Amino acid sequence: MAMTSGGHSKHRTPLWLLLFCYALMGPAVGINFAFIALAIPAMSQFGVAGLIFAGLVGAVVGVLPAIWLARQIGAGIREDD
């Protein structure tokens, strides 16, 4: 990638790419959080409500890897090699 004297050029990640990556990563991280809640014996006192809450928290946390993935894909698309 060629660098100019002006520094980094500003490119925004397209909204469709962010939404697509969240559609992949949100449920995946939510399911992982639910499995973690199942594996912790202390979570059994919260029952199904605790399991659902853990999944929802995971879906919210799934925004972070989705943003990272969208930026990586966007950078790959913009690459001018």
PDB file of N, CA and C in Angstrom:
ATOM      1  N   MET A   1       0.846  -1.172   0.000  1.00  0.00           N
ATOM      2  CA  MET A   1       0.000   0.000   0.000  1.00  0.00           C
ATOM      3  C   MET A   1       0.889   1.232   0.000  1.00  0.00           C
ATOM      4  N   ALA A   2       0.647   2.122  -0.894  1.00  0.00           N
ATOM      5  CA  ALA A   2       1.455   3.335  -1.026  1.00  0.00           C
ATOM      6  C   ALA A   2       0.983   4.382  -0.028  1.00  0.00           C
ATOM      7  N   MET A   3       1.934   4.947   0.684  1.00  0.00           N
ATOM      8  CA  MET A   3       1.617   6.011   1.638  1.00  0.00           C
ATOM      9  C   MET A   3       1.950   7.344   0.992  1.00  0.00           C
ATOM     10  N   THR A   4       1.085   8.297   1.163  1.00  0.00           N
ATOM     11  CA  THR A   4       1.346   9.638   0.656  1.00  0.00           C
ATOM     12  C   THR A   4       1.810  10.507   1.802  1.00  0.00           C
ATOM     13  N   SER A   5       2.289  11.675   1.475  1.00  0.00           N
ATOM     14  CA  SER A   5       2.780  12.569   2.520  1.00  0.00           C
ATOM     15  C   SER A   5       1.638  13.138   3.353  1.00  0.00           C
ATOM     16  N   GLY A   6       0.417  13.015   2.858  1.00  0.00           N
ATOM     17  CA  GLY A   6      -0.734  13.538   3.581  1.00  0.00           C
ATOM     18  C   GLY A   6      -1.196  12.651   4.722  1.00  0.00           C
ATOM     19  N   GLY A   7      -0.624  11.447   4.878  1.00  0.00           N
ATOM     20  CA  GLY A   7      -1.023  10.549   5.952  1.00  0.00           C
ATOM     21  C   GLY A   7      -2.056   9.548   5.453  1.00  0.00           C
ATOM     22  N   HIS A   8      -2.806   9.033   6.375  1.00  0.00           N
ATOM     23  CA  HIS A   8      -3.809   8.018   6.046  1.00  0.00           C
ATOM     24  C   HIS A   8      -5.038   8.661   5.419  1.00  0.00           C
ATOM     25  N   SER A   9      -5.565   7.991   4.416  1.00  0.00           N
ATOM     26  CA  SER A   9      -6.811   8.492   3.838  1.00  0.00           C
ATOM     27  C   SER A   9      -7.977   7.970   4.661  1.00  0.00           C
ATOM     28  N   LYS A  10      -9.016   8.758   4.779  1.00  0.00           N
ATOM     29  CA  LYS A  10     -10.187   8.383   5.585  1.00  0.00           C
ATOM     30  C   LYS A  10     -11.145   7.573   4.729  1.00  0.00           C
ATOM     31  N   HIS A  11     -11.409   6.359   5.174  1.00  0.00           N
ATOM     32  CA  HIS A  11     -12.401   5.509   4.524  1.00  0.00           C
ATOM     33  C   HIS A  11     -13.352   5.026   5.602  1.00  0.00           C
ATOM     34  N   ARG A  12     -14.623   5.159   5.330  1.00  0.00           N
ATOM     35  CA  ARG A  12     -15.624   4.668   6.266  1.00  0.00           C
ATOM     36  C   ARG A  12     -16.064   3.285   5.824  1.00  0.00           C
ATOM     37  N   THR A  13     -16.304   2.429   6.800  1.00  0.00           N
ATOM     38  CA  THR A  13     -16.812   1.097   6.514  1.00  0.00           C
ATOM     39  C   THR A  13     -18.280   1.223   6.133  1.00  0.00           C
ATOM     40  N   PRO A  14     -18.684   0.619   5.022  1.00  0.00           N
ATOM     41  CA  PRO A  14     -20.089   0.728   4.609  1.00  0.00           C
ATOM     42  C   PRO A  14     -21.037   0.113   5.642  1.00  0.00           C
ATOM     43  N   LEU A  15     -22.205   0.714   5.775  1.00  0.00           N
ATOM     44  CA  LEU A  15     -23.182   0.250   6.754  1.00  0.00           C
ATOM     45  C   LEU A  15     -23.620  -1.179   6.460  1.00  0.00           C
ATOM     46  N   TRP A  16     -23.777  -1.524   5.172  1.00  0.00           N
ATOM     47  CA  TRP A  16     -24.215  -2.874   4.833  1.00  0.00           C
ATOM     48  C   TRP A  16     -23.202  -3.905   5.295  1.00  0.00           C
ATOM     49  N   LEU A  17     -21.915  -3.559   5.264  1.00  0.00           N
ATOM     50  CA  LEU A  17     -20.888  -4.486   5.702  1.00  0.00           C
ATOM     51  C   LEU A  17     -20.894  -4.636   7.214  1.00  0.00           C
ATOM     52  N   LEU A  18     -21.111  -3.540   7.924  1.00  0.00           N
ATOM     53  CA  LEU A  18     -21.223  -3.614   9.383  1.00  0.00           C
ATOM     54  C   LEU A  18     -22.415  -4.470   9.801  1.00  0.00           C
ATOM     55  N   LEU A  19     -23.555  -4.275   9.142  1.00  0.00           N
ATOM     56  CA  LEU A  19     -24.744  -5.059   9.483  1.00  0.00           C
ATOM     57  C   LEU A  19     -24.562  -6.537   9.147  1.00  0.00           C
ATOM     58  N   PHE A  20     -23.924  -6.817   8.018  1.00  0.00           N
ATOM     59  CA  PHE A  20     -23.675  -8.200   7.634  1.00  0.00           C
ATOM     60  C   PHE A  20     -22.773  -8.891   8.651  1.00  0.00           C
ATOM     61  N   CYS A  21     -21.708  -8.212   9.066  1.00  0.00           N
ATOM     62  CA  CYS A  21     -20.783  -8.806  10.033  1.00  0.00           C
ATOM     63  C   CYS A  21     -21.440  -8.969  11.396  1.00  0.00           C
ATOM     64  N   TYR A  22     -22.318  -8.027  11.769  1.00  0.00           N
ATOM     65  CA  TYR A  22     -23.023  -8.204  13.036  1.00  0.00           C
ATOM     66  C   TYR A  22     -24.004  -9.368  12.954  1.00  0.00           C
ATOM     67  N   ALA A  23     -24.615  -9.563  11.794  1.00  0.00           N
ATOM     68  CA  ALA A  23     -25.520 -10.699  11.631  1.00  0.00           C
ATOM     69  C   ALA A  23     -24.768 -12.016  11.790  1.00  0.00           C
ATOM     70  N   LEU A  24     -23.495 -12.016  11.484  1.00  0.00           N
ATOM     71  CA  LEU A  24     -22.685 -13.213  11.694  1.00  0.00           C
ATOM     72  C   LEU A  24     -22.189 -13.328  13.130  1.00  0.00           C
ATOM     73  N   MET A  25     -21.659 -12.239  13.656  1.00  0.00           N
ATOM     74  CA  MET A  25     -20.966 -12.299  14.944  1.00  0.00           C
ATOM     75  C   MET A  25     -21.879 -12.156  16.157  1.00  0.00           C
ATOM     76  N   GLY A  26     -22.969 -11.402  16.039  1.00  0.00           N
ATOM     77  CA  GLY A  26     -23.868 -11.208  17.179  1.00  0.00           C
ATOM     78  C   GLY A  26     -24.424 -12.517  17.719  1.00  0.00           C
ATOM     79  N   PRO A  27     -25.092 -13.318  16.892  1.00  0.00           N
ATOM     80  CA  PRO A  27     -25.614 -14.591  17.394  1.00  0.00           C
ATOM     81  C   PRO A  27     -24.509 -15.563  17.825  1.00  0.00           C
ATOM     82  N   ALA A  28     -23.375 -15.546  17.133  1.00  0.00           N
ATOM     83  CA  ALA A  28     -22.290 -16.466  17.488  1.00  0.00           C
ATOM     84  C   ALA A  28     -21.759 -16.178  18.894  1.00  0.00           C
ATOM     85  N   VAL A  29     -21.532 -14.921  19.186  1.00  0.00           N
ATOM     86  CA  VAL A  29     -21.028 -14.563  20.513  1.00  0.00           C
ATOM     87  C   VAL A  29     -22.118 -14.779  21.564  1.00  0.00           C
ATOM     88  N   GLY A  30     -23.380 -14.519  21.205  1.00  0.00           N
ATOM     89  CA  GLY A  30     -24.480 -14.778  22.132  1.00  0.00           C
ATOM     90  C   GLY A  30     -24.574 -16.239  22.506  1.00  0.00           C
ATOM     91  N   ILE A  31     -24.421 -17.123  21.533  1.00  0.00           N
ATOM     92  CA  ILE A  31     -24.446 -18.558  21.811  1.00  0.00           C
ATOM     93  C   ILE A  31     -23.257 -18.959  22.672  1.00  0.00           C
ATOM     94  N   ASN A  32     -22.090 -18.387  22.391  1.00  0.00           N
ATOM     95  CA  ASN A  32     -20.914 -18.691  23.210  1.00  0.00           C
ATOM     96  C   ASN A  32     -21.119 -18.256  24.658  1.00  0.00           C
ATOM     97  N   PHE A  33     -21.708 -17.090  24.863  1.00  0.00           N
ATOM     98  CA  PHE A  33     -21.969 -16.633  26.229  1.00  0.00           C
ATOM     99  C   PHE A  33     -22.973 -17.558  26.923  1.00  0.00           C
ATOM    100  N   ALA A  34     -23.965 -18.040  26.199  1.00  0.00           N
ATOM    101  CA  ALA A  34     -24.935 -18.966  26.787  1.00  0.00           C
ATOM    102  C   ALA A  34     -24.252 -20.274  27.185  1.00  0.00           C
ATOM    103  N   PHE A  35     -23.348 -20.772  26.347  1.00  0.00           N
ATOM    104  CA  PHE A  35     -22.619 -21.990  26.695  1.00  0.00           C
ATOM    105  C   PHE A  35     -21.716 -21.773  27.905  1.00  0.00           C
ATOM    106  N   ILE A  36     -21.114 -20.611  27.996  1.00  0.00           N
ATOM    107  CA  ILE A  36     -20.295 -20.297  29.166  1.00  0.00           C
ATOM    108  C   ILE A  36     -21.165 -20.267  30.413  1.00  0.00           C
ATOM    109  N   ALA A  37     -22.372 -19.692  30.296  1.00  0.00           N
ATOM    110  CA  ALA A  37     -23.286 -19.655  31.444  1.00  0.00           C
ATOM    111  C   ALA A  37     -23.694 -21.072  31.849  1.00  0.00           C
ATOM    112  N   LEU A  38     -23.840 -21.960  30.882  1.00  0.00           N
ATOM    113  CA  LEU A  38     -24.160 -23.357  31.207  1.00  0.00           C
ATOM    114  C   LEU A  38     -23.003 -24.052  31.915  1.00  0.00           C
ATOM    115  N   ALA A  39     -21.783 -23.674  31.596  1.00  0.00           N
ATOM    116  CA  ALA A  39     -20.611 -24.329  32.158  1.00  0.00           C
ATOM    117  C   ALA A  39     -20.281 -23.862  33.570  1.00  0.00           C
ATOM    118  N   ILE A  40     -20.806 -22.733  33.990  1.00  0.00           N
ATOM    119  CA  ILE A  40     -20.508 -22.199  35.325  1.00  0.00           C
ATOM    120  C   ILE A  40     -21.580 -22.694  36.295  1.00  0.00           C
ATOM    121  N   PRO A  41     -21.198 -23.511  37.271  1.00  0.00           N
ATOM    122  CA  PRO A  41     -22.199 -24.053  38.199  1.00  0.00           C
ATOM    123  C   PRO A  41     -22.944 -22.985  39.002  1.00  0.00           C
ATOM    124  N   ALA A  42     -22.308 -21.869  39.278  1.00  0.00           N
ATOM    125  CA  ALA A  42     -22.957 -20.818  40.063  1.00  0.00           C
ATOM    126  C   ALA A  42     -24.092 -20.143  39.304  1.00  0.00           C
ATOM    127  N   MET A  43     -24.127 -20.283  38.000  1.00  0.00           N
ATOM    128  CA  MET A  43     -25.199 -19.674  37.197  1.00  0.00           C
ATOM    129  C   MET A  43     -26.491 -20.480  37.236  1.00  0.00           C
ATOM    130  N   SER A  44     -26.443 -21.687  37.774  1.00  0.00           N
ATOM    131  CA  SER A  44     -27.639 -22.535  37.756  1.00  0.00           C
ATOM    132  C   SER A  44     -28.772 -21.957  38.605  1.00  0.00           C
ATOM    133  N   GLN A  45     -28.467 -21.140  39.567  1.00  0.00           N
ATOM    134  CA  GLN A  45     -29.509 -20.550  40.405  1.00  0.00           C
ATOM    135  C   GLN A  45     -30.379 -19.544  39.648  1.00  0.00           C
ATOM    136  N   PHE A  46     -29.900 -19.050  38.510  1.00  0.00           N
ATOM    137  CA  PHE A  46     -30.667 -18.076  37.739  1.00  0.00           C
ATOM    138  C   PHE A  46     -31.575 -18.720  36.712  1.00  0.00           C
ATOM    139  N   GLY A  47     -31.388 -19.999  36.441  1.00  0.00           N
ATOM    140  CA  GLY A  47     -32.274 -20.748  35.556  1.00  0.00           C
ATOM    141  C   GLY A  47     -32.253 -20.268  34.116  1.00  0.00           C
ATOM    142  N   VAL A  48     -33.414 -20.423  33.465  1.00  0.00           N
ATOM    143  CA  VAL A  48     -33.529 -20.072  32.047  1.00  0.00           C
ATOM    144  C   VAL A  48     -33.385 -18.566  31.848  1.00  0.00           C
ATOM    145  N   ALA A  49     -33.866 -17.784  32.798  1.00  0.00           N
ATOM    146  CA  ALA A  49     -33.751 -16.326  32.670  1.00  0.00           C
ATOM    147  C   ALA A  49     -32.279 -15.904  32.644  1.00  0.00           C
ATOM    148  N   GLY A  50     -31.449 -16.525  33.441  1.00  0.00           N
ATOM    149  CA  GLY A  50     -30.024 -16.229  33.436  1.00  0.00           C
ATOM    150  C   GLY A  50     -29.361 -16.639  32.140  1.00  0.00           C
ATOM    151  N   LEU A  51     -29.824 -17.753  31.580  1.00  0.00           N
ATOM    152  CA  LEU A  51     -29.291 -18.221  30.307  1.00  0.00           C
ATOM    153  C   LEU A  51     -29.642 -17.252  29.174  1.00  0.00           C
ATOM    154  N   ILE A  52     -30.878 -16.790  29.174  1.00  0.00           N
ATOM    155  CA  ILE A  52     -31.311 -15.823  28.156  1.00  0.00           C
ATOM    156  C   ILE A  52     -30.566 -14.504  28.323  1.00  0.00           C
ATOM    157  N   PHE A  53     -30.409 -14.063  29.565  1.00  0.00           N
ATOM    158  CA  PHE A  53     -29.683 -12.823  29.813  1.00  0.00           C
ATOM    159  C   PHE A  53     -28.231 -12.931  29.356  1.00  0.00           C
ATOM    160  N   ALA A  54     -27.593 -14.066  29.613  1.00  0.00           N
ATOM    161  CA  ALA A  54     -26.206 -14.261  29.170  1.00  0.00           C
ATOM    162  C   ALA A  54     -26.126 -14.209  27.646  1.00  0.00           C
ATOM    163  N   GLY A  55     -27.093 -14.792  26.967  1.00  0.00           N
ATOM    164  CA  GLY A  55     -27.118 -14.740  25.506  1.00  0.00           C
ATOM    165  C   GLY A  55     -27.300 -13.335  24.980  1.00  0.00           C
ATOM    166  N   LEU A  56     -28.162 -12.556  25.646  1.00  0.00           N
ATOM    167  CA  LEU A  56     -28.378 -11.169  25.211  1.00  0.00           C
ATOM    168  C   LEU A  56     -27.137 -10.311  25.440  1.00  0.00           C
ATOM    169  N   VAL A  57     -26.475 -10.518  26.565  1.00  0.00           N
ATOM    170  CA  VAL A  57     -25.235  -9.789  26.827  1.00  0.00           C
ATOM    171  C   VAL A  57     -24.190 -10.156  25.778  1.00  0.00           C
ATOM    172  N   GLY A  58     -24.135 -11.433  25.424  1.00  0.00           N
ATOM    173  CA  GLY A  58     -23.203 -11.871  24.393  1.00  0.00           C
ATOM    174  C   GLY A  58     -23.511 -11.252  23.046  1.00  0.00           C
ATOM    175  N   ALA A  59     -24.795 -11.110  22.731  1.00  0.00           N
ATOM    176  CA  ALA A  59     -25.169 -10.491  21.454  1.00  0.00           C
ATOM    177  C   ALA A  59     -24.752  -9.023  21.422  1.00  0.00           C
ATOM    178  N   VAL A  60     -24.821  -8.348  22.551  1.00  0.00           N
ATOM    179  CA  VAL A  60     -24.376  -6.948  22.615  1.00  0.00           C
ATOM    180  C   VAL A  60     -22.855  -6.872  22.489  1.00  0.00           C
ATOM    181  N   VAL A  61     -22.159  -7.778  23.170  1.00  0.00           N
ATOM    182  CA  VAL A  61     -20.699  -7.797  23.094  1.00  0.00           C
ATOM    183  C   VAL A  61     -20.240  -8.189  21.688  1.00  0.00           C
ATOM    184  N   GLY A  62     -21.084  -8.904  20.949  1.00  0.00           N
ATOM    185  CA  GLY A  62     -20.762  -9.309  19.591  1.00  0.00           C
ATOM    186  C   GLY A  62     -20.575  -8.156  18.629  1.00  0.00           C
ATOM    187  N   VAL A  63     -20.935  -6.961  19.047  1.00  0.00           N
ATOM    188  CA  VAL A  63     -20.718  -5.773  18.212  1.00  0.00           C
ATOM    189  C   VAL A  63     -19.220  -5.537  18.014  1.00  0.00           C
ATOM    190  N   LEU A  64     -18.434  -5.796  19.032  1.00  0.00           N
ATOM    191  CA  LEU A  64     -16.997  -5.503  18.953  1.00  0.00           C
ATOM    192  C   LEU A  64     -16.283  -6.351  17.903  1.00  0.00           C
ATOM    193  N   PRO A  65     -16.424  -7.689  17.903  1.00  0.00           N
ATOM    194  CA  PRO A  65     -15.760  -8.429  16.827  1.00  0.00           C
ATOM    195  C   PRO A  65     -16.379  -8.159  15.456  1.00  0.00           C
ATOM    196  N   ALA A  66     -17.653  -7.786  15.425  1.00  0.00           N
ATOM    197  CA  ALA A  66     -18.291  -7.471  14.142  1.00  0.00           C
ATOM    198  C   ALA A  66     -17.689  -6.212  13.536  1.00  0.00           C
ATOM    199  N   ILE A  67     -17.430  -5.215  14.344  1.00  0.00           N
ATOM    200  CA  ILE A  67     -16.801  -3.985  13.850  1.00  0.00           C
ATOM    201  C   ILE A  67     -15.397  -4.287  13.345  1.00  0.00           C
ATOM    202  N   TRP A  68     -14.650  -5.098  14.104  1.00  0.00           N
ATOM    203  CA  TRP A  68     -13.303  -5.455  13.683  1.00  0.00           C
ATOM    204  C   TRP A  68     -13.332  -6.210  12.359  1.00  0.00           C
ATOM    205  N   LEU A  69     -14.224  -7.191  12.245  1.00  0.00           N
ATOM    206  CA  LEU A  69     -14.319  -7.978  11.024  1.00  0.00           C
ATOM    207  C   LEU A  69     -14.714  -7.116   9.830  1.00  0.00           C
ATOM    208  N   ALA A  70     -15.659  -6.215  10.020  1.00  0.00           N
ATOM    209  CA  ALA A  70     -16.089  -5.340   8.932  1.00  0.00           C
ATOM    210  C   ALA A  70     -14.952  -4.439   8.477  1.00  0.00           C
ATOM    211  N   ARG A  71     -14.164  -3.936   9.408  1.00  0.00           N
ATOM    212  CA  ARG A  71     -13.034  -3.085   9.030  1.00  0.00           C
ATOM    213  C   ARG A  71     -11.980  -3.874   8.263  1.00  0.00           C
ATOM    214  N   GLN A  72     -11.729  -5.114   8.675  1.00  0.00           N
ATOM    215  CA  GLN A  72     -10.748  -5.934   7.977  1.00  0.00           C
ATOM    216  C   GLN A  72     -11.222  -6.275   6.570  1.00  0.00           C
ATOM    217  N   ILE A  73     -12.485  -6.624   6.429  1.00  0.00           N
ATOM    218  CA  ILE A  73     -13.024  -6.932   5.104  1.00  0.00           C
ATOM    219  C   ILE A  73     -13.019  -5.674   4.233  1.00  0.00           C
ATOM    220  N   GLY A  74     -13.421  -4.546   4.805  1.00  0.00           N
ATOM    221  CA  GLY A  74     -13.426  -3.288   4.061  1.00  0.00           C
ATOM    222  C   GLY A  74     -12.038  -2.899   3.591  1.00  0.00           C
ATOM    223  N   ALA A  75     -11.041  -3.121   4.432  1.00  0.00           N
ATOM    224  CA  ALA A  75      -9.666  -2.810   4.031  1.00  0.00           C
ATOM    225  C   ALA A  75      -9.224  -3.731   2.910  1.00  0.00           C
ATOM    226  N   GLY A  76      -9.648  -4.973   2.937  1.00  0.00           N
ATOM    227  CA  GLY A  76      -9.305  -5.903   1.883  1.00  0.00           C
ATOM    228  C   GLY A  76      -9.968  -5.548   0.569  1.00  0.00           C
ATOM    229  N   ILE A  77     -11.200  -5.049   0.638  1.00  0.00           N
ATOM    230  CA  ILE A  77     -11.902  -4.642  -0.572  1.00  0.00           C
ATOM    231  C   ILE A  77     -11.254  -3.403  -1.186  1.00  0.00           C
ATOM    232  N   ARG A  78     -10.796  -2.468  -0.339  1.00  0.00           N
ATOM    233  CA  ARG A  78     -10.218  -1.222  -0.824  1.00  0.00           C
ATOM    234  C   ARG A  78      -8.779  -1.373  -1.310  1.00  0.00           C
ATOM    235  N   GLU A  79      -8.156  -2.478  -0.992  1.00  0.00           N
ATOM    236  CA  GLU A  79      -6.756  -2.664  -1.347  1.00  0.00           C
ATOM    237  C   GLU A  79      -6.559  -2.522  -2.848  1.00  0.00           C
ATOM    238  N   ASP A  80      -5.603  -1.709  -3.251  1.00  0.00           N
ATOM    239  CA  ASP A  80      -5.443  -1.422  -4.674  1.00  0.00           C
ATOM    240  C   ASP A  80      -4.236  -2.126  -5.265  1.00  0.00           C
ATOM    241  N   ASP A  81      -4.068  -3.405  -4.980  1.00  0.00           N
ATOM    242  CA  ASP A  81      -2.974  -4.197  -5.572  1.00  0.00           C
ATOM    243  C   ASP A  81      -3.380  -4.789  -6.878  1.00  0.00           C
TER     244      ASP A  81
END
